[in-house]
Amino acid sequence: MNTLTPGFASPLDAQACFRALLTAFGDPGRAITLADGLAPPAGLSIAAAAVLLTLADATTTLAADLPAPVLHWLGFHTGAPFTTPEAAEFCLAGSAPPLASLRQGSETAPEHGATLILDLPDLDTGRRCRLSGPGLAAPRETTLPLPAAFLADWAEQRLQAPRGVDVLLCAGRRLLALPRSLAIEAA
């Protein structure tokens, strides 16, 4: 029997998550911990579920290569139509696809670039990186659980500015934002 767990208990939960997303994008590289209380199906972190419940709806497209119960849960609670990663406004994945394979937006409408939500085991292991750019008064060093190929992809993406993909790293109840305007290099 497949039991569908509830989404947010209150609209205030979505508002709190939205504020957390604004904080994360405004302070890139800083992990934000979301409130407890959401119980998504196995295979989906609380942070990734909260992000999608907050941002996705019947007017946004979503790509996710996940088990059927997770897709059913997301579809039921968000109403978002599923599509291919190349066409999606939100792409949920367990590992980073080539950024160039996702929607990039255009020079005149960069906001049409995709948001990649990486649902990872943790945010504390990986390679040391130096972040700089908008939102940071000074460069910040942090650990990012991303492969070296991602850093090369990111550098290539920055050459296409203002086009590109924003990235949210999610694990457990934590999320960390990497806005497309951010410079990321190995530390």
C-alpha atoms as a PDB file:
ATOM      1  CA  MET A   1       0.000   0.000   0.000  1.00  0.00           C
ATOM      2  CA  ASN A   2       1.315   3.454  -0.946  1.00  0.00           C
ATOM      3  CA  THR A   3       0.564   6.064   1.698  1.00  0.00           C
ATOM      4  CA  LEU A   4       0.907   9.692   0.659  1.00  0.00           C
ATOM      5  CA  THR A   5       2.486  11.766   3.429  1.00  0.00           C
ATOM      6  CA  PRO A   6       1.369  15.365   3.941  1.00  0.00           C
ATOM      7  CA  GLY A   7       3.189  18.389   2.554  1.00  0.00           C
ATOM      8  CA  PHE A   8       3.543  21.553   4.609  1.00  0.00           C
ATOM      9  CA  ALA A   9       1.238  21.718   7.612  1.00  0.00           C
ATOM     10  CA  SER A  10       0.706  25.463   7.159  1.00  0.00           C
ATOM     11  CA  PRO A  11       1.262  28.164   4.527  1.00  0.00           C
ATOM     12  CA  LEU A  12       3.610  29.698   7.085  1.00  0.00           C
ATOM     13  CA  ASP A  13       5.983  26.757   6.484  1.00  0.00           C
ATOM     14  CA  ALA A  14       6.292  27.718   2.805  1.00  0.00           C
ATOM     15  CA  GLN A  15       6.877  31.337   3.791  1.00  0.00           C
ATOM     16  CA  ALA A  16       9.642  30.293   6.207  1.00  0.00           C
ATOM     17  CA  CYS A  17      11.267  28.186   3.492  1.00  0.00           C
ATOM     18  CA  PHE A  18      11.041  31.068   1.012  1.00  0.00           C
ATOM     19  CA  ARG A  19      12.774  33.368   3.528  1.00  0.00           C
ATOM     20  CA  ALA A  20      15.468  30.696   4.005  1.00  0.00           C
ATOM     21  CA  LEU A  21      15.972  30.529   0.222  1.00  0.00           C
ATOM     22  CA  LEU A  22      16.323  34.314   0.044  1.00  0.00           C
ATOM     23  CA  THR A  23      18.906  34.154   2.832  1.00  0.00           C
ATOM     24  CA  ALA A  24      20.792  31.332   1.108  1.00  0.00           C
ATOM     25  CA  PHE A  25      20.926  33.109  -2.270  1.00  0.00           C
ATOM     26  CA  GLY A  26      21.853  36.395  -0.567  1.00  0.00           C
ATOM     27  CA  ASP A  27      24.699  34.746   1.380  1.00  0.00           C
ATOM     28  CA  PRO A  28      26.107  32.155  -1.063  1.00  0.00           C
ATOM     29  CA  GLY A  29      28.006  29.222   0.389  1.00  0.00           C
ATOM     30  CA  ARG A  30      26.372  29.468   3.822  1.00  0.00           C
ATOM     31  CA  ALA A  31      24.361  26.398   4.766  1.00  0.00           C
ATOM     32  CA  ILE A  32      20.867  27.192   6.039  1.00  0.00           C
ATOM     33  CA  THR A  33      18.991  24.717   8.235  1.00  0.00           C
ATOM     34  CA  LEU A  34      15.257  24.423   7.634  1.00  0.00           C
ATOM     35  CA  ALA A  35      12.678  23.670  10.299  1.00  0.00           C
ATOM     36  CA  ASP A  36      11.698  20.078  10.956  1.00  0.00           C
ATOM     37  CA  GLY A  37       8.177  18.814  10.411  1.00  0.00           C
ATOM     38  CA  LEU A  38       8.068  17.791   6.776  1.00  0.00           C
ATOM     39  CA  ALA A  39       8.034  14.039   6.056  1.00  0.00           C
ATOM     40  CA  PRO A  40       8.761  13.460   2.356  1.00  0.00           C
ATOM     41  CA  PRO A  41       8.975   9.914   1.003  1.00  0.00           C
ATOM     42  CA  ALA A  42      12.239   7.985   1.155  1.00  0.00           C
ATOM     43  CA  GLY A  43      14.653   9.145  -1.512  1.00  0.00           C
ATOM     44  CA  LEU A  44      13.904  12.859  -1.063  1.00  0.00           C
ATOM     45  CA  SER A  45      15.550  15.051   1.572  1.00  0.00           C
ATOM     46  CA  ILE A  46      13.522  17.410   3.712  1.00  0.00           C
ATOM     47  CA  ALA A  47      15.392  20.383   2.205  1.00  0.00           C
ATOM     48  CA  ALA A  48      14.780  19.364  -1.429  1.00  0.00           C
ATOM     49  CA  ALA A  49      11.134  18.605  -0.667  1.00  0.00           C
ATOM     50  CA  ALA A  50      10.654  21.967   1.078  1.00  0.00           C
ATOM     51  CA  VAL A  51      12.297  23.857  -1.804  1.00  0.00           C
ATOM     52  CA  LEU A  52      10.011  22.215  -4.359  1.00  0.00           C
ATOM     53  CA  LEU A  53       6.880  22.649  -2.219  1.00  0.00           C
ATOM     54  CA  THR A  54       7.791  26.328  -1.941  1.00  0.00           C
ATOM     55  CA  LEU A  55       8.787  27.099  -5.538  1.00  0.00           C
ATOM     56  CA  ALA A  56       7.107  24.568  -7.840  1.00  0.00           C
ATOM     57  CA  ASP A  57       3.473  24.723  -8.886  1.00  0.00           C
ATOM     58  CA  ALA A  58       1.239  23.963 -11.844  1.00  0.00           C
ATOM     59  CA  THR A  59       2.903  26.725 -13.884  1.00  0.00           C
ATOM     60  CA  THR A  60       6.500  25.504 -13.456  1.00  0.00           C
ATOM     61  CA  THR A  61       8.096  22.458 -15.052  1.00  0.00           C
ATOM     62  CA  LEU A  62      10.067  19.875 -13.105  1.00  0.00           C
ATOM     63  CA  ALA A  63      12.498  17.140 -14.098  1.00  0.00           C
ATOM     64  CA  ALA A  64      13.356  14.423 -11.593  1.00  0.00           C
ATOM     65  CA  ASP A  65      14.742  10.936 -12.054  1.00  0.00           C
ATOM     66  CA  LEU A  66      13.320   9.448  -8.861  1.00  0.00           C
ATOM     67  CA  PRO A  67      11.272   6.436  -7.785  1.00  0.00           C
ATOM     68  CA  ALA A  68       7.550   6.524  -8.614  1.00  0.00           C
ATOM     69  CA  PRO A  69       6.413   7.195  -5.002  1.00  0.00           C
ATOM     70  CA  VAL A  70       8.585  10.345  -4.868  1.00  0.00           C
ATOM     71  CA  LEU A  71       7.335  11.558  -8.248  1.00  0.00           C
ATOM     72  CA  HIS A  72       3.742  10.898  -7.147  1.00  0.00           C
ATOM     73  CA  TRP A  73       4.300  12.838  -3.910  1.00  0.00           C
ATOM     74  CA  LEU A  74       5.864  15.794  -5.741  1.00  0.00           C
ATOM     75  CA  GLY A  75       3.189  15.772  -8.425  1.00  0.00           C
ATOM     76  CA  PHE A  76       0.374  15.635  -5.889  1.00  0.00           C
ATOM     77  CA  HIS A  77       1.725  18.398  -3.638  1.00  0.00           C
ATOM     78  CA  THR A  78       3.078  20.790  -6.279  1.00  0.00           C
ATOM     79  CA  GLY A  79       0.949  20.114  -9.357  1.00  0.00           C
ATOM     80  CA  ALA A  80       4.102  20.749 -11.411  1.00  0.00           C
ATOM     81  CA  PRO A  81       4.152  19.026 -14.796  1.00  0.00           C
ATOM     82  CA  PHE A  82       7.135  16.716 -15.348  1.00  0.00           C
ATOM     83  CA  THR A  83       9.379  17.164 -18.374  1.00  0.00           C
ATOM     84  CA  THR A  84      12.931  16.460 -19.550  1.00  0.00           C
ATOM     85  CA  PRO A  85      15.926  18.037 -17.785  1.00  0.00           C
ATOM     86  CA  GLU A  86      16.675  20.124 -20.892  1.00  0.00           C
ATOM     87  CA  ALA A  87      13.246  21.775 -20.770  1.00  0.00           C
ATOM     88  CA  ALA A  88      12.659  22.003 -16.997  1.00  0.00           C
ATOM     89  CA  GLU A  89      12.615  25.137 -14.915  1.00  0.00           C
ATOM     90  CA  PHE A  90      13.520  23.015 -11.874  1.00  0.00           C
ATOM     91  CA  CYS A  91      15.712  19.966 -12.204  1.00  0.00           C
ATOM     92  CA  LEU A  92      16.077  17.649  -9.202  1.00  0.00           C
ATOM     93  CA  ALA A  93      19.044  15.274  -9.337  1.00  0.00           C
ATOM     94  CA  GLY A  94      21.334  13.234  -7.110  1.00  0.00           C
ATOM     95  CA  SER A  95      24.440  14.213  -9.085  1.00  0.00           C
ATOM     96  CA  ALA A  96      25.263  17.206 -11.242  1.00  0.00           C
ATOM     97  CA  PRO A  97      24.429  16.883 -14.923  1.00  0.00           C
ATOM     98  CA  PRO A  98      26.445  19.021 -17.351  1.00  0.00           C
ATOM     99  CA  LEU A  99      25.180  22.544 -16.703  1.00  0.00           C
ATOM    100  CA  ALA A 100      25.092  23.298 -20.432  1.00  0.00           C
ATOM    101  CA  SER A 101      22.471  20.536 -20.832  1.00  0.00           C
ATOM    102  CA  LEU A 102      19.966  22.543 -18.731  1.00  0.00           C
ATOM    103  CA  ARG A 103      17.950  25.649 -19.619  1.00  0.00           C
ATOM    104  CA  GLN A 104      20.261  28.655 -19.750  1.00  0.00           C
ATOM    105  CA  GLY A 105      17.874  31.529 -20.268  1.00  0.00           C
ATOM    106  CA  SER A 106      18.868  34.246 -22.738  1.00  0.00           C
ATOM    107  CA  GLU A 107      20.654  37.593 -22.745  1.00  0.00           C
ATOM    108  CA  THR A 108      17.310  39.365 -22.471  1.00  0.00           C
ATOM    109  CA  ALA A 109      15.612  36.817 -20.156  1.00  0.00           C
ATOM    110  CA  PRO A 110      18.288  35.209 -17.970  1.00  0.00           C
ATOM    111  CA  GLU A 111      15.611  34.383 -15.376  1.00  0.00           C
ATOM    112  CA  HIS A 112      14.467  31.613 -17.707  1.00  0.00           C
ATOM    113  CA  GLY A 113      17.568  29.630 -16.781  1.00  0.00           C
ATOM    114  CA  ALA A 114      16.962  26.473 -14.777  1.00  0.00           C
ATOM    115  CA  THR A 115      17.429  25.947 -11.071  1.00  0.00           C
ATOM    116  CA  LEU A 116      19.288  22.704 -10.407  1.00  0.00           C
ATOM    117  CA  ILE A 117      18.450  21.148  -7.035  1.00  0.00           C
ATOM    118  CA  LEU A 118      21.089  18.601  -6.077  1.00  0.00           C
ATOM    119  CA  ASP A 119      19.822  16.246  -3.366  1.00  0.00           C
ATOM    120  CA  LEU A 120      23.014  14.962  -1.741  1.00  0.00           C
ATOM    121  CA  PRO A 121      23.939  12.743   1.224  1.00  0.00           C
ATOM    122  CA  ASP A 122      25.654  15.632   3.050  1.00  0.00           C
ATOM    123  CA  LEU A 123      27.059  19.131   2.583  1.00  0.00           C
ATOM    124  CA  ASP A 124      30.163  18.723   4.733  1.00  0.00           C
ATOM    125  CA  THR A 125      32.464  16.565   2.615  1.00  0.00           C
ATOM    126  CA  GLY A 126      34.058  17.328  -0.718  1.00  0.00           C
ATOM    127  CA  ARG A 127      36.570  19.794  -2.035  1.00  0.00           C
ATOM    128  CA  ARG A 128      37.577  23.114  -0.552  1.00  0.00           C
ATOM    129  CA  CYS A 129      36.425  25.968  -2.754  1.00  0.00           C
ATOM    130  CA  ARG A 130      36.760  29.725  -2.767  1.00  0.00           C
ATOM    131  CA  LEU A 131      33.563  31.624  -3.527  1.00  0.00           C
ATOM    132  CA  SER A 132      33.417  35.275  -4.560  1.00  0.00           C
ATOM    133  CA  GLY A 133      30.938  37.611  -6.147  1.00  0.00           C
ATOM    134  CA  PRO A 134      27.584  39.231  -5.392  1.00  0.00           C
ATOM    135  CA  GLY A 135      26.326  38.634  -1.866  1.00  0.00           C
ATOM    136  CA  LEU A 136      29.815  38.203  -0.413  1.00  0.00           C
ATOM    137  CA  ALA A 137      31.726  41.153   1.062  1.00  0.00           C
ATOM    138  CA  ALA A 138      34.927  39.110   0.844  1.00  0.00           C
ATOM    139  CA  PRO A 139      35.812  35.736  -0.705  1.00  0.00           C
ATOM    140  CA  ARG A 140      34.571  32.775   1.326  1.00  0.00           C
ATOM    141  CA  GLU A 141      36.143  29.347   1.599  1.00  0.00           C
ATOM    142  CA  THR A 142      33.838  26.403   2.071  1.00  0.00           C
ATOM    143  CA  THR A 143      33.597  22.703   1.334  1.00  0.00           C
ATOM    144  CA  LEU A 144      31.379  21.781  -1.597  1.00  0.00           C
ATOM    145  CA  PRO A 145      30.338  18.149  -2.224  1.00  0.00           C
ATOM    146  CA  LEU A 146      30.846  18.507  -5.976  1.00  0.00           C
ATOM    147  CA  PRO A 147      33.186  16.814  -8.474  1.00  0.00           C
ATOM    148  CA  ALA A 148      36.033  18.656 -10.221  1.00  0.00           C
ATOM    149  CA  ALA A 149      34.090  18.497 -13.499  1.00  0.00           C
ATOM    150  CA  PHE A 150      31.406  20.678 -11.904  1.00  0.00           C
ATOM    151  CA  LEU A 151      33.943  23.454 -11.236  1.00  0.00           C
ATOM    152  CA  ALA A 152      34.992  23.417 -14.894  1.00  0.00           C
ATOM    153  CA  ASP A 153      31.333  23.468 -15.950  1.00  0.00           C
ATOM    154  CA  TRP A 154      30.685  26.369 -13.608  1.00  0.00           C
ATOM    155  CA  ALA A 155      33.614  28.386 -14.972  1.00  0.00           C
ATOM    156  CA  GLU A 156      32.343  27.803 -18.524  1.00  0.00           C
ATOM    157  CA  GLN A 157      28.837  28.856 -17.490  1.00  0.00           C
ATOM    158  CA  ARG A 158      30.103  32.137 -16.043  1.00  0.00           C
ATOM    159  CA  LEU A 159      31.449  33.094 -19.474  1.00  0.00           C
ATOM    160  CA  GLN A 160      27.822  33.111 -20.697  1.00  0.00           C
ATOM    161  CA  ALA A 161      26.589  35.589 -18.037  1.00  0.00           C
ATOM    162  CA  PRO A 162      23.918  36.669 -17.366  1.00  0.00           C
ATOM    163  CA  ARG A 163      22.651  33.342 -18.742  1.00  0.00           C
ATOM    164  CA  GLY A 164      23.115  30.188 -16.695  1.00  0.00           C
ATOM    165  CA  VAL A 165      21.847  27.825 -14.040  1.00  0.00           C
ATOM    166  CA  ASP A 166      21.378  28.536 -10.330  1.00  0.00           C
ATOM    167  CA  VAL A 167      22.201  25.592  -8.053  1.00  0.00           C
ATOM    168  CA  LEU A 168      20.800  24.578  -4.677  1.00  0.00           C
ATOM    169  CA  LEU A 169      22.635  21.888  -2.726  1.00  0.00           C
ATOM    170  CA  CYS A 170      20.303  20.037  -0.353  1.00  0.00           C
ATOM    171  CA  ALA A 171      21.031  17.397   2.293  1.00  0.00           C
ATOM    172  CA  GLY A 172      18.808  16.440   5.195  1.00  0.00           C
ATOM    173  CA  ARG A 173      17.311  19.704   6.489  1.00  0.00           C
ATOM    174  CA  ARG A 174      20.145  21.877   5.113  1.00  0.00           C
ATOM    175  CA  LEU A 175      20.501  23.816   1.888  1.00  0.00           C
ATOM    176  CA  LEU A 176      23.204  25.956   0.319  1.00  0.00           C
ATOM    177  CA  ALA A 177      22.771  28.239  -2.705  1.00  0.00           C
ATOM    178  CA  LEU A 178      25.148  28.822  -5.595  1.00  0.00           C
ATOM    179  CA  PRO A 179      23.700  31.672  -7.684  1.00  0.00           C
ATOM    180  CA  ARG A 180      24.899  31.738 -11.303  1.00  0.00           C
ATOM    181  CA  SER A 181      26.734  35.042 -10.727  1.00  0.00           C
ATOM    182  CA  LEU A 182      29.056  33.435  -8.161  1.00  0.00           C
ATOM    183  CA  ALA A 183      32.705  32.673  -8.960  1.00  0.00           C
ATOM    184  CA  ILE A 184      33.778  29.245  -7.675  1.00  0.00           C
ATOM    185  CA  GLU A 185      37.356  27.996  -7.795  1.00  0.00           C
ATOM    186  CA  ALA A 186      39.355  25.299  -6.038  1.00  0.00           C
ATOM    187  CA  ALA A 187      40.946  26.636  -2.829  1.00  0.00           C
END
